[in-house]
PDB file of N, CA and C in Angstrom:
ATOM      1  N   UNK A   1     137.457  40.117  52.813  1.00  0.00           N
ATOM      2  CA  UNK A   1     136.361  39.532  53.564  1.00  0.00           C
ATOM      3  C   UNK A   1     136.001  40.336  54.814  1.00  0.00           C
ATOM      4  N   UNK A   2     137.029  40.887  55.479  1.00  0.00           N
ATOM      5  CA  UNK A   2     136.767  41.682  56.676  1.00  0.00           C
ATOM      6  C   UNK A   2     135.979  42.924  56.304  1.00  0.00           C
ATOM      7  N   UNK A   3     136.334  43.558  55.178  1.00  0.00           N
ATOM      8  CA  UNK A   3     135.611  44.741  54.716  1.00  0.00           C
ATOM      9  C   UNK A   3     134.153  44.428  54.433  1.00  0.00           C
ATOM     10  N   UNK A   4     133.896  43.279  53.816  1.00  0.00           N
ATOM     11  CA  UNK A   4     132.521  42.866  53.516  1.00  0.00           C
ATOM     12  C   UNK A   4     131.737  42.640  54.804  1.00  0.00           C
ATOM     13  N   UNK A   5     132.354  42.051  55.796  1.00  0.00           N
ATOM     14  CA  UNK A   5     131.689  41.816  57.080  1.00  0.00           C
ATOM     15  C   UNK A   5     131.336  43.134  57.757  1.00  0.00           C
ATOM     16  N   UNK A   6     132.231  44.096  57.658  1.00  0.00           N
ATOM     17  CA  UNK A   6     131.974  45.412  58.250  1.00  0.00           C
ATOM     18  C   UNK A   6     130.813  46.100  57.534  1.00  0.00           C
ATOM     19  N   UNK A   7     130.806  46.020  56.205  1.00  0.00           N
ATOM     20  CA  UNK A   7     129.719  46.617  55.426  1.00  0.00           C
ATOM     21  C   UNK A   7     128.388  45.964  55.802  1.00  0.00           C
ATOM     22  N   UNK A   8     128.360  44.641  55.868  1.00  0.00           N
ATOM     23  CA  UNK A   8     127.121  43.929  56.245  1.00  0.00           C
ATOM     24  C   UNK A   8     126.649  44.341  57.640  1.00  0.00           C
ATOM     25  N   UNK A   9     127.575  44.436  58.583  1.00  0.00           N
ATOM     26  CA  UNK A   9     127.215  44.837  59.949  1.00  0.00           C
ATOM     27  C   UNK A   9     126.654  46.257  59.963  1.00  0.00           C
ATOM     28  N   UNK A  10     127.291  47.147  59.198  1.00  0.00           N
ATOM     29  CA  UNK A  10     126.806  48.532  59.139  1.00  0.00           C
ATOM     30  C   UNK A  10     125.438  48.623  58.472  1.00  0.00           C
ATOM     31  N   UNK A  11     125.220  47.820  57.435  1.00  0.00           N
ATOM     32  CA  UNK A  11     123.908  47.790  56.770  1.00  0.00           C
ATOM     33  C   UNK A  11     122.839  47.271  57.724  1.00  0.00           C
ATOM     34  N   UNK A  12     123.174  46.250  58.483  1.00  0.00           N
ATOM     35  CA  UNK A  12     122.227  45.691  59.449  1.00  0.00           C
ATOM     36  C   UNK A  12     121.860  46.739  60.504  1.00  0.00           C
ATOM     37  N   UNK A  13     122.878  47.466  60.976  1.00  0.00           N
ATOM     38  CA  UNK A  13     122.636  48.515  61.964  1.00  0.00           C
ATOM     39  C   UNK A  13     121.777  49.631  61.367  1.00  0.00           C
ATOM     40  N   UNK A  14     122.064  50.032  60.135  1.00  0.00           N
ATOM     41  CA  UNK A  14     121.291  51.080  59.467  1.00  0.00           C
ATOM     42  C   UNK A  14     119.842  50.632  59.280  1.00  0.00           C
ATOM     43  N   UNK A  15     119.651  49.374  58.912  1.00  0.00           N
ATOM     44  CA  UNK A  15     118.293  48.840  58.742  1.00  0.00           C
ATOM     45  C   UNK A  15     117.538  48.871  60.059  1.00  0.00           C
ATOM     46  N   UNK A  16     118.190  48.471  61.121  1.00  0.00           N
ATOM     47  CA  UNK A  16     117.577  48.487  62.446  1.00  0.00           C
ATOM     48  C   UNK A  16     117.226  49.912  62.867  1.00  0.00           C
ATOM     49  N   UNK A  17     118.141  50.858  62.639  1.00  0.00           N
ATOM     50  CA  UNK A  17     117.883  52.263  62.970  1.00  0.00           C
ATOM     51  C   UNK A  17     116.720  52.819  62.159  1.00  0.00           C
ATOM     52  N   UNK A  18     116.656  52.440  60.894  1.00  0.00           N
ATOM     53  CA  UNK A  18     115.571  52.906  60.036  1.00  0.00           C
ATOM     54  C   UNK A  18     114.229  52.361  60.514  1.00  0.00           C
ATOM     55  N   UNK A  19     114.170  51.078  60.850  1.00  0.00           N
ATOM     56  CA  UNK A  19     112.923  50.487  61.354  1.00  0.00           C
ATOM     57  C   UNK A  19     112.480  51.163  62.645  1.00  0.00           C
ATOM     58  N   UNK A  20     113.429  51.398  63.544  1.00  0.00           N
ATOM     59  CA  UNK A  20     113.092  52.086  64.793  1.00  0.00           C
ATOM     60  C   UNK A  20     112.621  53.507  64.510  1.00  0.00           C
ATOM     61  N   UNK A  21     113.293  54.191  63.594  1.00  0.00           N
ATOM     62  CA  UNK A  21     112.893  55.545  63.232  1.00  0.00           C
ATOM     63  C   UNK A  21     111.502  55.597  62.634  1.00  0.00           C
ATOM     64  N   UNK A  22     111.178  54.615  61.797  1.00  0.00           N
ATOM     65  CA  UNK A  22     109.831  54.547  61.216  1.00  0.00           C
ATOM     66  C   UNK A  22     108.777  54.401  62.309  1.00  0.00           C
ATOM     67  N   UNK A  23     108.994  53.452  63.209  1.00  0.00           N
ATOM     68  CA  UNK A  23     108.019  53.237  64.274  1.00  0.00           C
ATOM     69  C   UNK A  23     107.926  54.452  65.181  1.00  0.00           C
ATOM     70  N   UNK A  24     109.068  55.041  65.533  1.00  0.00           N
ATOM     71  CA  UNK A  24     109.051  56.252  66.366  1.00  0.00           C
ATOM     72  C   UNK A  24     108.270  57.373  65.690  1.00  0.00           C
ATOM     73  N   UNK A  25     108.450  57.522  64.372  1.00  0.00           N
ATOM     74  CA  UNK A  25     107.728  58.582  63.659  1.00  0.00           C
ATOM     75  C   UNK A  25     106.231  58.293  63.619  1.00  0.00           C
ATOM     76  N   UNK A  26     105.845  57.033  63.423  1.00  0.00           N
ATOM     77  CA  UNK A  26     104.417  56.695  63.412  1.00  0.00           C
ATOM     78  C   UNK A  26     103.796  56.944  64.785  1.00  0.00           C
ATOM     79  N   UNK A  27     104.517  56.586  65.846  1.00  0.00           N
ATOM     80  CA  UNK A  27     104.008  56.830  67.199  1.00  0.00           C
ATOM     81  C   UNK A  27     103.840  58.328  67.453  1.00  0.00           C
ATOM     82  N   UNK A  28     104.824  59.109  67.052  1.00  0.00           N
ATOM     83  CA  UNK A  28     104.762  60.562  67.258  1.00  0.00           C
ATOM     84  C   UNK A  28     103.631  61.188  66.431  1.00  0.00           C
ATOM     85  N   UNK A  29     103.446  60.722  65.208  1.00  0.00           N
ATOM     86  CA  UNK A  29     102.342  61.222  64.372  1.00  0.00           C
ATOM     87  C   UNK A  29     101.009  60.862  65.016  1.00  0.00           C
ATOM     88  N   UNK A  30     100.884  59.643  65.530  1.00  0.00           N
ATOM     89  CA  UNK A  30      99.648  59.238  66.213  1.00  0.00           C
ATOM     90  C   UNK A  30      99.372  60.102  67.430  1.00  0.00           C
ATOM     91  N   UNK A  31     100.400  60.320  68.255  1.00  0.00           N
ATOM     92  CA  UNK A  31     100.243  61.171  69.443  1.00  0.00           C
ATOM     93  C   UNK A  31      99.848  62.590  69.053  1.00  0.00           C
ATOM     94  N   UNK A  32     100.477  63.101  68.022  1.00  0.00           N
ATOM     95  CA  UNK A  32     100.182  64.457  67.553  1.00  0.00           C
ATOM     96  C   UNK A  32      98.747  64.545  67.058  1.00  0.00           C
ATOM     97  N   UNK A  33      98.328  63.554  66.283  1.00  0.00           N
ATOM     98  CA  UNK A  33      96.959  63.530  65.762  1.00  0.00           C
ATOM     99  C   UNK A  33      95.924  63.469  66.868  1.00  0.00           C
ATOM    100  N   UNK A  34      96.174  62.647  67.883  1.00  0.00           N
ATOM    101  CA  UNK A  34      95.248  62.573  69.015  1.00  0.00           C
ATOM    102  C   UNK A  34      95.216  63.913  69.744  1.00  0.00           C
ATOM    103  N   UNK A  35      96.363  64.555  69.867  1.00  0.00           N
ATOM    104  CA  UNK A  35      96.396  65.874  70.508  1.00  0.00           C
ATOM    105  C   UNK A  35      95.554  66.893  69.768  1.00  0.00           C
ATOM    106  N   UNK A  36      95.706  66.941  68.434  1.00  0.00           N
ATOM    107  CA  UNK A  36      94.885  67.856  67.637  1.00  0.00           C
ATOM    108  C   UNK A  36      93.409  67.504  67.759  1.00  0.00           C
ATOM    109  N   UNK A  37      93.115  66.223  67.729  1.00  0.00           N
ATOM    110  CA  UNK A  37      91.722  65.787  67.808  1.00  0.00           C
ATOM    111  C   UNK A  37      91.108  66.164  69.151  1.00  0.00           C
ATOM    112  N   UNK A  38      91.849  65.973  70.230  1.00  0.00           N
ATOM    113  CA  UNK A  38      91.338  66.350  71.549  1.00  0.00           C
ATOM    114  C   UNK A  38      91.134  67.862  71.641  1.00  0.00           C
ATOM    115  N   UNK A  39      92.050  68.624  71.040  1.00  0.00           N
ATOM    116  CA  UNK A  39      91.899  70.088  71.050  1.00  0.00           C
ATOM    117  C   UNK A  39      90.638  70.523  70.322  1.00  0.00           C
ATOM    118  N   UNK A  40      90.269  69.806  69.272  1.00  0.00           N
ATOM    119  CA  UNK A  40      89.114  70.179  68.445  1.00  0.00           C
ATOM    120  C   UNK A  40      87.791  69.585  68.935  1.00  0.00           C
ATOM    121  N   UNK A  41      87.836  68.553  69.785  1.00  0.00           N
ATOM    122  CA  UNK A  41      86.625  67.838  70.198  1.00  0.00           C
ATOM    123  C   UNK A  41      85.763  68.696  71.117  1.00  0.00           C
ATOM    124  N   UNK A  42      84.471  68.804  70.796  1.00  0.00           N
ATOM    125  CA  UNK A  42      83.565  69.525  71.687  1.00  0.00           C
ATOM    126  C   UNK A  42      83.386  68.728  72.988  1.00  0.00           C
ATOM    127  N   UNK A  43      83.198  69.433  74.100  1.00  0.00           N
ATOM    128  CA  UNK A  43      83.103  68.752  75.392  1.00  0.00           C
ATOM    129  C   UNK A  43      81.795  69.089  76.092  1.00  0.00           C
ATOM    130  N   UNK A  44      81.100  68.031  76.453  1.00  0.00           N
ATOM    131  CA  UNK A  44      79.952  68.166  77.363  1.00  0.00           C
ATOM    132  C   UNK A  44      80.298  67.390  78.633  1.00  0.00           C
ATOM    133  N   UNK A  45      80.530  66.076  78.489  1.00  0.00           N
ATOM    134  CA  UNK A  45      80.903  65.259  79.647  1.00  0.00           C
ATOM    135  C   UNK A  45      82.388  64.918  79.651  1.00  0.00           C
ATOM    136  N   UNK A  46      83.049  65.065  78.522  1.00  0.00           N
ATOM    137  CA  UNK A  46      84.461  64.699  78.406  1.00  0.00           C
ATOM    138  C   UNK A  46      84.671  63.284  77.903  1.00  0.00           C
ATOM    139  N   UNK A  47      83.601  62.499  77.808  1.00  0.00           N
ATOM    140  CA  UNK A  47      83.725  61.104  77.387  1.00  0.00           C
ATOM    141  C   UNK A  47      84.271  60.984  75.969  1.00  0.00           C
ATOM    142  N   UNK A  48      83.760  61.779  75.046  1.00  0.00           N
ATOM    143  CA  UNK A  48      84.225  61.721  73.661  1.00  0.00           C
ATOM    144  C   UNK A  48      85.697  62.125  73.579  1.00  0.00           C
ATOM    145  N   UNK A  49      86.055  63.227  74.187  1.00  0.00           N
ATOM    146  CA  UNK A  49      87.442  63.700  74.144  1.00  0.00           C
ATOM    147  C   UNK A  49      88.397  62.670  74.757  1.00  0.00           C
ATOM    148  N   UNK A  50      88.029  62.100  75.882  1.00  0.00           N
ATOM    149  CA  UNK A  50      88.908  61.153  76.566  1.00  0.00           C
ATOM    150  C   UNK A  50      89.017  59.810  75.851  1.00  0.00           C
ATOM    151  N   UNK A  51      88.153  59.557  74.893  1.00  0.00           N
ATOM    152  CA  UNK A  51      88.179  58.270  74.188  1.00  0.00           C
ATOM    153  C   UNK A  51      89.110  58.274  72.982  1.00  0.00           C
ATOM    154  N   UNK A  52      89.660  59.414  72.641  1.00  0.00           N
ATOM    155  CA  UNK A  52      90.491  59.500  71.440  1.00  0.00           C
ATOM    156  C   UNK A  52      91.754  58.654  71.590  1.00  0.00           C
ATOM    157  N   UNK A  53      92.054  57.930  70.525  1.00  0.00           N
ATOM    158  CA  UNK A  53      93.222  57.047  70.536  1.00  0.00           C
ATOM    159  C   UNK A  53      93.727  56.891  69.112  1.00  0.00           C
ATOM    160  N   UNK A  54      94.820  56.133  68.968  1.00  0.00           N
ATOM    161  CA  UNK A  54      95.310  55.800  67.642  1.00  0.00           C
ATOM    162  C   UNK A  54      95.775  54.355  67.634  1.00  0.00           C
ATOM    163  N   UNK A  55      95.800  53.754  66.463  1.00  0.00           N
ATOM    164  CA  UNK A  55      96.256  52.374  66.341  1.00  0.00           C
ATOM    165  C   UNK A  55      97.308  52.273  65.245  1.00  0.00           C
ATOM    166  N   UNK A  56      98.256  51.389  65.488  1.00  0.00           N
ATOM    167  CA  UNK A  56      99.280  51.030  64.502  1.00  0.00           C
ATOM    168  C   UNK A  56      99.478  49.530  64.622  1.00  0.00           C
ATOM    169  N   UNK A  57      99.417  48.841  63.516  1.00  0.00           N
ATOM    170  CA  UNK A  57      99.695  47.407  63.472  1.00  0.00           C
ATOM    171  C   UNK A  57      98.841  46.628  64.471  1.00  0.00           C
ATOM    172  N   UNK A  58      97.562  46.992  64.586  1.00  0.00           N
ATOM    173  CA  UNK A  58      96.629  46.267  65.435  1.00  0.00           C
ATOM    174  C   UNK A  58      96.693  46.603  66.912  1.00  0.00           C
ATOM    175  N   UNK A  59      97.593  47.495  67.313  1.00  0.00           N
ATOM    176  CA  UNK A  59      97.707  47.861  68.722  1.00  0.00           C
ATOM    177  C   UNK A  59      97.096  49.233  68.961  1.00  0.00           C
ATOM    178  N   UNK A  60      96.308  49.337  70.032  1.00  0.00           N
ATOM    179  CA  UNK A  60      95.652  50.596  70.384  1.00  0.00           C
ATOM    180  C   UNK A  60      96.531  51.350  71.369  1.00  0.00           C
ATOM    181  N   UNK A  61      96.767  52.633  71.080  1.00  0.00           N
ATOM    182  CA  UNK A  61      97.566  53.489  71.950  1.00  0.00           C
ATOM    183  C   UNK A  61      96.692  54.588  72.522  1.00  0.00           C
ATOM    184  N   UNK A  62      96.440  54.521  73.811  1.00  0.00           N
ATOM    185  CA  UNK A  62      95.722  55.577  74.494  1.00  0.00           C
ATOM    186  C   UNK A  62      95.810  55.346  75.990  1.00  0.00           C
ATOM    187  N   UNK A  63      96.206  56.356  76.740  1.00  0.00           N
ATOM    188  CA  UNK A  63      96.289  56.169  78.188  1.00  0.00           C
ATOM    189  C   UNK A  63      94.922  56.168  78.862  1.00  0.00           C
ATOM    190  N   UNK A  64      93.904  56.690  78.209  1.00  0.00           N
ATOM    191  CA  UNK A  64      92.612  56.854  78.876  1.00  0.00           C
ATOM    192  C   UNK A  64      91.555  55.839  78.457  1.00  0.00           C
ATOM    193  N   UNK A  65      91.741  55.180  77.328  1.00  0.00           N
ATOM    194  CA  UNK A  65      90.717  54.273  76.834  1.00  0.00           C
ATOM    195  C   UNK A  65      90.739  52.990  77.660  1.00  0.00           C
ATOM    196  N   UNK A  66      89.591  52.586  78.168  1.00  0.00           N
ATOM    197  CA  UNK A  66      89.529  51.419  79.032  1.00  0.00           C
ATOM    198  C   UNK A  66      89.343  50.122  78.241  1.00  0.00           C
ATOM    199  N   UNK A  67      88.809  50.225  77.059  1.00  0.00           N
ATOM    200  CA  UNK A  67      88.567  49.029  76.262  1.00  0.00           C
ATOM    201  C   UNK A  67      88.910  49.313  74.818  1.00  0.00           C
ATOM    202  N   UNK A  68      89.577  48.352  74.197  1.00  0.00           N
ATOM    203  CA  UNK A  68      89.875  48.516  72.782  1.00  0.00           C
ATOM    204  C   UNK A  68      88.807  47.848  71.923  1.00  0.00           C
ATOM    205  N   UNK A  69      87.721  47.415  72.560  1.00  0.00           N
ATOM    206  CA  UNK A  69      86.615  46.837  71.809  1.00  0.00           C
ATOM    207  C   UNK A  69      86.039  47.898  70.881  1.00  0.00           C
ATOM    208  N   UNK A  70      85.667  47.488  69.726  1.00  0.00           N
ATOM    209  CA  UNK A  70      85.058  48.359  68.724  1.00  0.00           C
ATOM    210  C   UNK A  70      85.989  49.449  68.211  1.00  0.00           C
ATOM    211  N   UNK A  71      87.272  49.312  68.432  1.00  0.00           N
ATOM    212  CA  UNK A  71      88.227  50.254  67.866  1.00  0.00           C
ATOM    213  C   UNK A  71      88.655  49.698  66.522  1.00  0.00           C
ATOM    214  N   UNK A  72      88.559  50.528  65.487  1.00  0.00           N
ATOM    215  CA  UNK A  72      88.995  50.111  64.155  1.00  0.00           C
ATOM    216  C   UNK A  72      90.511  50.070  64.158  1.00  0.00           C
ATOM    217  N   UNK A  73      91.071  48.872  64.193  1.00  0.00           N
ATOM    218  CA  UNK A  73      92.517  48.720  64.346  1.00  0.00           C
ATOM    219  C   UNK A  73      93.196  48.627  62.993  1.00  0.00           C
ATOM    220  N   UNK A  74      94.276  49.371  62.850  1.00  0.00           N
ATOM    221  CA  UNK A  74      95.061  49.267  61.628  1.00  0.00           C
ATOM    222  C   UNK A  74      95.664  47.876  61.570  1.00  0.00           C
ATOM    223  N   UNK A  75      95.818  47.371  60.370  1.00  0.00           N
ATOM    224  CA  UNK A  75      96.273  45.990  60.218  1.00  0.00           C
ATOM    225  C   UNK A  75      97.721  45.890  59.765  1.00  0.00           C
ATOM    226  N   UNK A  76      98.405  47.013  59.649  1.00  0.00           N
ATOM    227  CA  UNK A  76      99.801  46.939  59.237  1.00  0.00           C
ATOM    228  C   UNK A  76     100.618  48.025  59.926  1.00  0.00           C
ATOM    229  N   UNK A  77     101.916  47.943  59.756  1.00  0.00           N
ATOM    230  CA  UNK A  77     102.840  48.843  60.451  1.00  0.00           C
ATOM    231  C   UNK A  77     102.933  50.223  59.827  1.00  0.00           C
ATOM    232  N   UNK A  78     102.314  50.430  58.673  1.00  0.00           N
ATOM    233  CA  UNK A  78     102.441  51.721  57.992  1.00  0.00           C
ATOM    234  C   UNK A  78     101.134  52.493  57.927  1.00  0.00           C
ATOM    235  N   UNK A  79     100.115  52.038  58.659  1.00  0.00           N
ATOM    236  CA  UNK A  79      98.829  52.729  58.683  1.00  0.00           C
ATOM    237  C   UNK A  79      98.531  53.162  60.110  1.00  0.00           C
ATOM    238  N   UNK A  80      98.145  54.413  60.263  1.00  0.00           N
ATOM    239  CA  UNK A  80      97.774  54.949  61.569  1.00  0.00           C
ATOM    240  C   UNK A  80      96.303  55.340  61.508  1.00  0.00           C
ATOM    241  N   UNK A  81      95.495  54.768  62.396  1.00  0.00           N
ATOM    242  CA  UNK A  81      94.101  55.187  62.531  1.00  0.00           C
ATOM    243  C   UNK A  81      94.008  56.039  63.787  1.00  0.00           C
ATOM    244  N   UNK A  82      93.367  57.189  63.654  1.00  0.00           N
ATOM    245  CA  UNK A  82      93.178  58.088  64.787  1.00  0.00           C
ATOM    246  C   UNK A  82      91.678  58.334  64.909  1.00  0.00           C
ATOM    247  N   UNK A  83      91.128  58.166  66.115  1.00  0.00           N
ATOM    248  CA  UNK A  83      89.694  58.376  66.274  1.00  0.00           C
ATOM    249  C   UNK A  83      89.197  57.921  67.626  1.00  0.00           C
ATOM    250  N   UNK A  84      87.966  57.474  67.632  1.00  0.00           N
ATOM    251  CA  UNK A  84      87.277  57.104  68.866  1.00  0.00           C
ATOM    252  C   UNK A  84      86.438  55.854  68.652  1.00  0.00           C
ATOM    253  N   UNK A  85      86.148  55.137  69.728  1.00  0.00           N
ATOM    254  CA  UNK A  85      85.204  54.030  69.661  1.00  0.00           C
ATOM    255  C   UNK A  85      83.884  54.406  70.335  1.00  0.00           C
ATOM    256  N   UNK A  86      83.728  55.685  70.662  1.00  0.00           N
ATOM    257  CA  UNK A  86      82.500  56.172  71.286  1.00  0.00           C
ATOM    258  C   UNK A  86      81.496  56.531  70.192  1.00  0.00           C
ATOM    259  N   UNK A  87      80.265  56.031  70.344  1.00  0.00           N
ATOM    260  CA  UNK A  87      79.198  56.427  69.425  1.00  0.00           C
ATOM    261  C   UNK A  87      78.732  57.826  69.814  1.00  0.00           C
ATOM    262  N   UNK A  88      78.672  58.698  68.840  1.00  0.00           N
ATOM    263  CA  UNK A  88      78.178  60.042  69.093  1.00  0.00           C
ATOM    264  C   UNK A  88      77.354  60.466  67.881  1.00  0.00           C
ATOM    265  N   UNK A  89      76.518  61.435  68.077  1.00  0.00           N
ATOM    266  CA  UNK A  89      75.603  61.858  67.029  1.00  0.00           C
ATOM    267  C   UNK A  89      76.365  62.454  65.851  1.00  0.00           C
ATOM    268  N   UNK A  90      76.002  62.058  64.627  1.00  0.00           N
ATOM    269  CA  UNK A  90      76.642  62.655  63.447  1.00  0.00           C
ATOM    270  C   UNK A  90      76.522  64.175  63.419  1.00  0.00           C
ATOM    271  N   UNK A  91      75.501  64.695  64.076  1.00  0.00           N
ATOM    272  CA  UNK A  91      75.334  66.145  64.082  1.00  0.00           C
ATOM    273  C   UNK A  91      76.508  66.845  64.768  1.00  0.00           C
ATOM    274  N   UNK A  92      77.192  66.163  65.687  1.00  0.00           N
ATOM    275  CA  UNK A  92      78.350  66.769  66.355  1.00  0.00           C
ATOM    276  C   UNK A  92      79.438  67.047  65.325  1.00  0.00           C
ATOM    277  N   UNK A  93      79.636  66.123  64.393  1.00  0.00           N
ATOM    278  CA  UNK A  93      80.679  66.293  63.375  1.00  0.00           C
ATOM    279  C   UNK A  93      80.203  67.126  62.198  1.00  0.00           C
ATOM    280  N   UNK A  94      78.927  66.974  61.795  1.00  0.00           N
ATOM    281  CA  UNK A  94      78.492  67.535  60.513  1.00  0.00           C
ATOM    282  C   UNK A  94      77.531  68.718  60.586  1.00  0.00           C
ATOM    283  N   UNK A  95      76.759  68.844  61.643  1.00  0.00           N
ATOM    284  CA  UNK A  95      75.674  69.830  61.620  1.00  0.00           C
ATOM    285  C   UNK A  95      75.700  70.850  62.750  1.00  0.00           C
ATOM    286  N   UNK A  96      76.597  70.732  63.668  1.00  0.00           N
ATOM    287  CA  UNK A  96      76.596  71.547  64.868  1.00  0.00           C
ATOM    288  C   UNK A  96      76.779  73.026  64.568  1.00  0.00           C
ATOM    289  N   UNK A  97      76.120  73.860  65.361  1.00  0.00           N
ATOM    290  CA  UNK A  97      76.273  75.302  65.238  1.00  0.00           C
ATOM    291  C   UNK A  97      77.187  75.872  66.328  1.00  0.00           C
ATOM    292  N   UNK A  98      77.818  75.021  67.121  1.00  0.00           N
ATOM    293  CA  UNK A  98      78.628  75.492  68.247  1.00  0.00           C
ATOM    294  C   UNK A  98      80.134  75.393  67.974  1.00  0.00           C
ATOM    295  N   UNK A  99      80.529  75.577  66.730  1.00  0.00           N
ATOM    296  CA  UNK A  99      81.935  75.531  66.301  1.00  0.00           C
ATOM    297  C   UNK A  99      82.558  74.139  66.330  1.00  0.00           C
ATOM    298  N   UNK A 100      81.779  73.099  66.641  1.00  0.00           N
ATOM    299  CA  UNK A 100      82.354  71.758  66.608  1.00  0.00           C
ATOM    300  C   UNK A 100      82.217  71.130  65.223  1.00  0.00           C
ATOM    301  N   UNK A 101      81.393  71.706  64.381  1.00  0.00           N
ATOM    302  CA  UNK A 101      81.186  71.153  63.039  1.00  0.00           C
ATOM    303  C   UNK A 101      82.533  70.954  62.344  1.00  0.00           C
ATOM    304  N   UNK A 102      82.789  69.722  61.910  1.00  0.00           N
ATOM    305  CA  UNK A 102      84.012  69.406  61.192  1.00  0.00           C
ATOM    306  C   UNK A 102      85.231  69.222  62.074  1.00  0.00           C
ATOM    307  N   UNK A 103      85.019  68.940  63.378  1.00  0.00           N
ATOM    308  CA  UNK A 103      86.168  68.870  64.285  1.00  0.00           C
ATOM    309  C   UNK A 103      87.150  67.767  63.906  1.00  0.00           C
ATOM    310  N   UNK A 104      86.660  66.621  63.453  1.00  0.00           N
ATOM    311  CA  UNK A 104      87.579  65.544  63.060  1.00  0.00           C
ATOM    312  C   UNK A 104      88.333  65.909  61.778  1.00  0.00           C
ATOM    313  N   UNK A 105      87.639  66.531  60.868  1.00  0.00           N
ATOM    314  CA  UNK A 105      88.282  66.932  59.615  1.00  0.00           C
ATOM    315  C   UNK A 105      89.379  67.969  59.870  1.00  0.00           C
ATOM    316  N   UNK A 106      89.107  68.928  60.747  1.00  0.00           N
ATOM    317  CA  UNK A 106      90.122  69.938  61.084  1.00  0.00           C
ATOM    318  C   UNK A 106      91.352  69.275  61.713  1.00  0.00           C
ATOM    319  N   UNK A 107      91.124  68.348  62.630  1.00  0.00           N
ATOM    320  CA  UNK A 107      92.240  67.657  63.285  1.00  0.00           C
ATOM    321  C   UNK A 107      93.028  66.824  62.276  1.00  0.00           C
ATOM    322  N   UNK A 108      92.326  66.196  61.342  1.00  0.00           N
ATOM    323  CA  UNK A 108      92.990  65.408  60.296  1.00  0.00           C
ATOM    324  C   UNK A 108      93.905  66.307  59.456  1.00  0.00           C
ATOM    325  N   UNK A 109      93.396  67.463  59.043  1.00  0.00           N
ATOM    326  CA  UNK A 109      94.198  68.381  58.223  1.00  0.00           C
ATOM    327  C   UNK A 109      95.431  68.867  58.985  1.00  0.00           C
ATOM    328  N   UNK A 110      95.277  69.174  60.265  1.00  0.00           N
ATOM    329  CA  UNK A 110      96.410  69.621  61.071  1.00  0.00           C
ATOM    330  C   UNK A 110      97.456  68.508  61.195  1.00  0.00           C
ATOM    331  N   UNK A 111      96.995  67.282  61.389  1.00  0.00           N
ATOM    332  CA  UNK A 111      97.904  66.140  61.527  1.00  0.00           C
ATOM    333  C   UNK A 111      98.673  65.902  60.238  1.00  0.00           C
ATOM    334  N   UNK A 112      97.996  65.940  59.111  1.00  0.00           N
ATOM    335  CA  UNK A 112      98.645  65.727  57.813  1.00  0.00           C
ATOM    336  C   UNK A 112      99.708  66.796  57.575  1.00  0.00           C
ATOM    337  N   UNK A 113      99.386  68.045  57.925  1.00  0.00           N
ATOM    338  CA  UNK A 113     100.350  69.133  57.737  1.00  0.00           C
ATOM    339  C   UNK A 113     101.608  68.912  58.572  1.00  0.00           C
ATOM    340  N   UNK A 114     101.474  68.340  59.736  1.00  0.00           N
ATOM    341  CA  UNK A 114     102.607  68.151  60.653  1.00  0.00           C
ATOM    342  C   UNK A 114     103.351  66.828  60.406  1.00  0.00           C
ATOM    343  N   UNK A 115     102.684  65.842  59.827  1.00  0.00           N
ATOM    344  CA  UNK A 115     103.229  64.486  59.701  1.00  0.00           C
ATOM    345  C   UNK A 115     104.540  64.436  58.923  1.00  0.00           C
ATOM    346  N   UNK A 116     104.630  65.123  57.809  1.00  0.00           N
ATOM    347  CA  UNK A 116     105.852  65.086  57.008  1.00  0.00           C
ATOM    348  C   UNK A 116     107.056  65.607  57.794  1.00  0.00           C
ATOM    349  N   UNK A 117     106.864  66.682  58.537  1.00  0.00           N
ATOM    350  CA  UNK A 117     107.963  67.253  59.315  1.00  0.00           C
ATOM    351  C   UNK A 117     108.395  66.294  60.427  1.00  0.00           C
ATOM    352  N   UNK A 118     107.428  65.677  61.092  1.00  0.00           N
ATOM    353  CA  UNK A 118     107.740  64.703  62.148  1.00  0.00           C
ATOM    354  C   UNK A 118     108.516  63.532  61.557  1.00  0.00           C
ATOM    355  N   UNK A 119     108.000  63.004  60.471  1.00  0.00           N
ATOM    356  CA  UNK A 119     108.618  61.854  59.815  1.00  0.00           C
ATOM    357  C   UNK A 119     110.049  62.181  59.389  1.00  0.00           C
ATOM    358  N   UNK A 120     110.224  63.282  58.711  1.00  0.00           N
ATOM    359  CA  UNK A 120     111.546  63.676  58.219  1.00  0.00           C
ATOM    360  C   UNK A 120     112.543  63.859  59.360  1.00  0.00           C
ATOM    361  N   UNK A 121     112.136  64.547  60.409  1.00  0.00           N
ATOM    362  CA  UNK A 121     113.025  64.820  61.531  1.00  0.00           C
ATOM    363  C   UNK A 121     113.495  63.530  62.190  1.00  0.00           C
ATOM    364  N   UNK A 122     112.572  62.639  62.484  1.00  0.00           N
ATOM    365  CA  UNK A 122     112.937  61.403  63.193  1.00  0.00           C
ATOM    366  C   UNK A 122     113.783  60.493  62.320  1.00  0.00           C
ATOM    367  N   UNK A 123     113.459  60.386  61.043  1.00  0.00           N
ATOM    368  CA  UNK A 123     114.247  59.534  60.145  1.00  0.00           C
ATOM    369  C   UNK A 123     115.660  60.101  59.993  1.00  0.00           C
ATOM    370  N   UNK A 124     115.778  61.415  59.840  1.00  0.00           N
ATOM    371  CA  UNK A 124     117.114  62.022  59.710  1.00  0.00           C
ATOM    372  C   UNK A 124     117.943  61.813  60.977  1.00  0.00           C
ATOM    373  N   UNK A 125     117.307  61.919  62.139  1.00  0.00           N
ATOM    374  CA  UNK A 125     118.015  61.675  63.391  1.00  0.00           C
ATOM    375  C   UNK A 125     118.502  60.230  63.474  1.00  0.00           C
ATOM    376  N   UNK A 126     117.665  59.304  63.008  1.00  0.00           N
ATOM    377  CA  UNK A 126     118.022  57.878  63.052  1.00  0.00           C
ATOM    378  C   UNK A 126     119.134  57.516  62.100  1.00  0.00           C
ATOM    379  N   UNK A 127     119.158  58.160  60.940  1.00  0.00           N
ATOM    380  CA  UNK A 127     120.172  57.856  59.933  1.00  0.00           C
ATOM    381  C   UNK A 127     121.484  58.538  60.291  1.00  0.00           C
ATOM    382  N   UNK A 128     121.357  59.793  60.799  1.00  0.00           N
ATOM    383  CA  UNK A 128     122.523  60.622  61.071  1.00  0.00           C
ATOM    384  C   UNK A 128     123.439  60.016  62.050  1.00  0.00           C
TER     385      UNK A 128
END
C-alpha cells in the first residue's frame, strides 16, 4: 500500500509538472509569435505594432494593449491566437509595395518553425 501511495503521489506531481510545462510553452510560443509579428509589422505611427498581442484560454496577453475589446480570444487552453484588434487597411497585409506585404504570414511561418522547439524544450525540462 505504501508503494501504491508513492506511485500515486509521483503521478500527481508529474501531471502537475506537465500541465505547468504546457502552459509555460504556450506562453513562450505566444510571446515569440508577438515578437516576430512586431518585427515584421510596418510602422507609420506605431499603433499597429504596439497593438500586437496573443490570447490563450480567453485571456489576452500584452503589456501595451489598453483594451481587450474586439480581440478574438481563444476559447481553450490549447489554442493560441496572435494578432491585433486594430483595424488597418488590407492593402498593408496584401498589396503593399514597401516590403510589408505578407507581414502577418511571414511572422506566422517563423512562429510555427520555432514552436516545436520551444514546446519540446519546456516539456522536457518539466519532465526531467
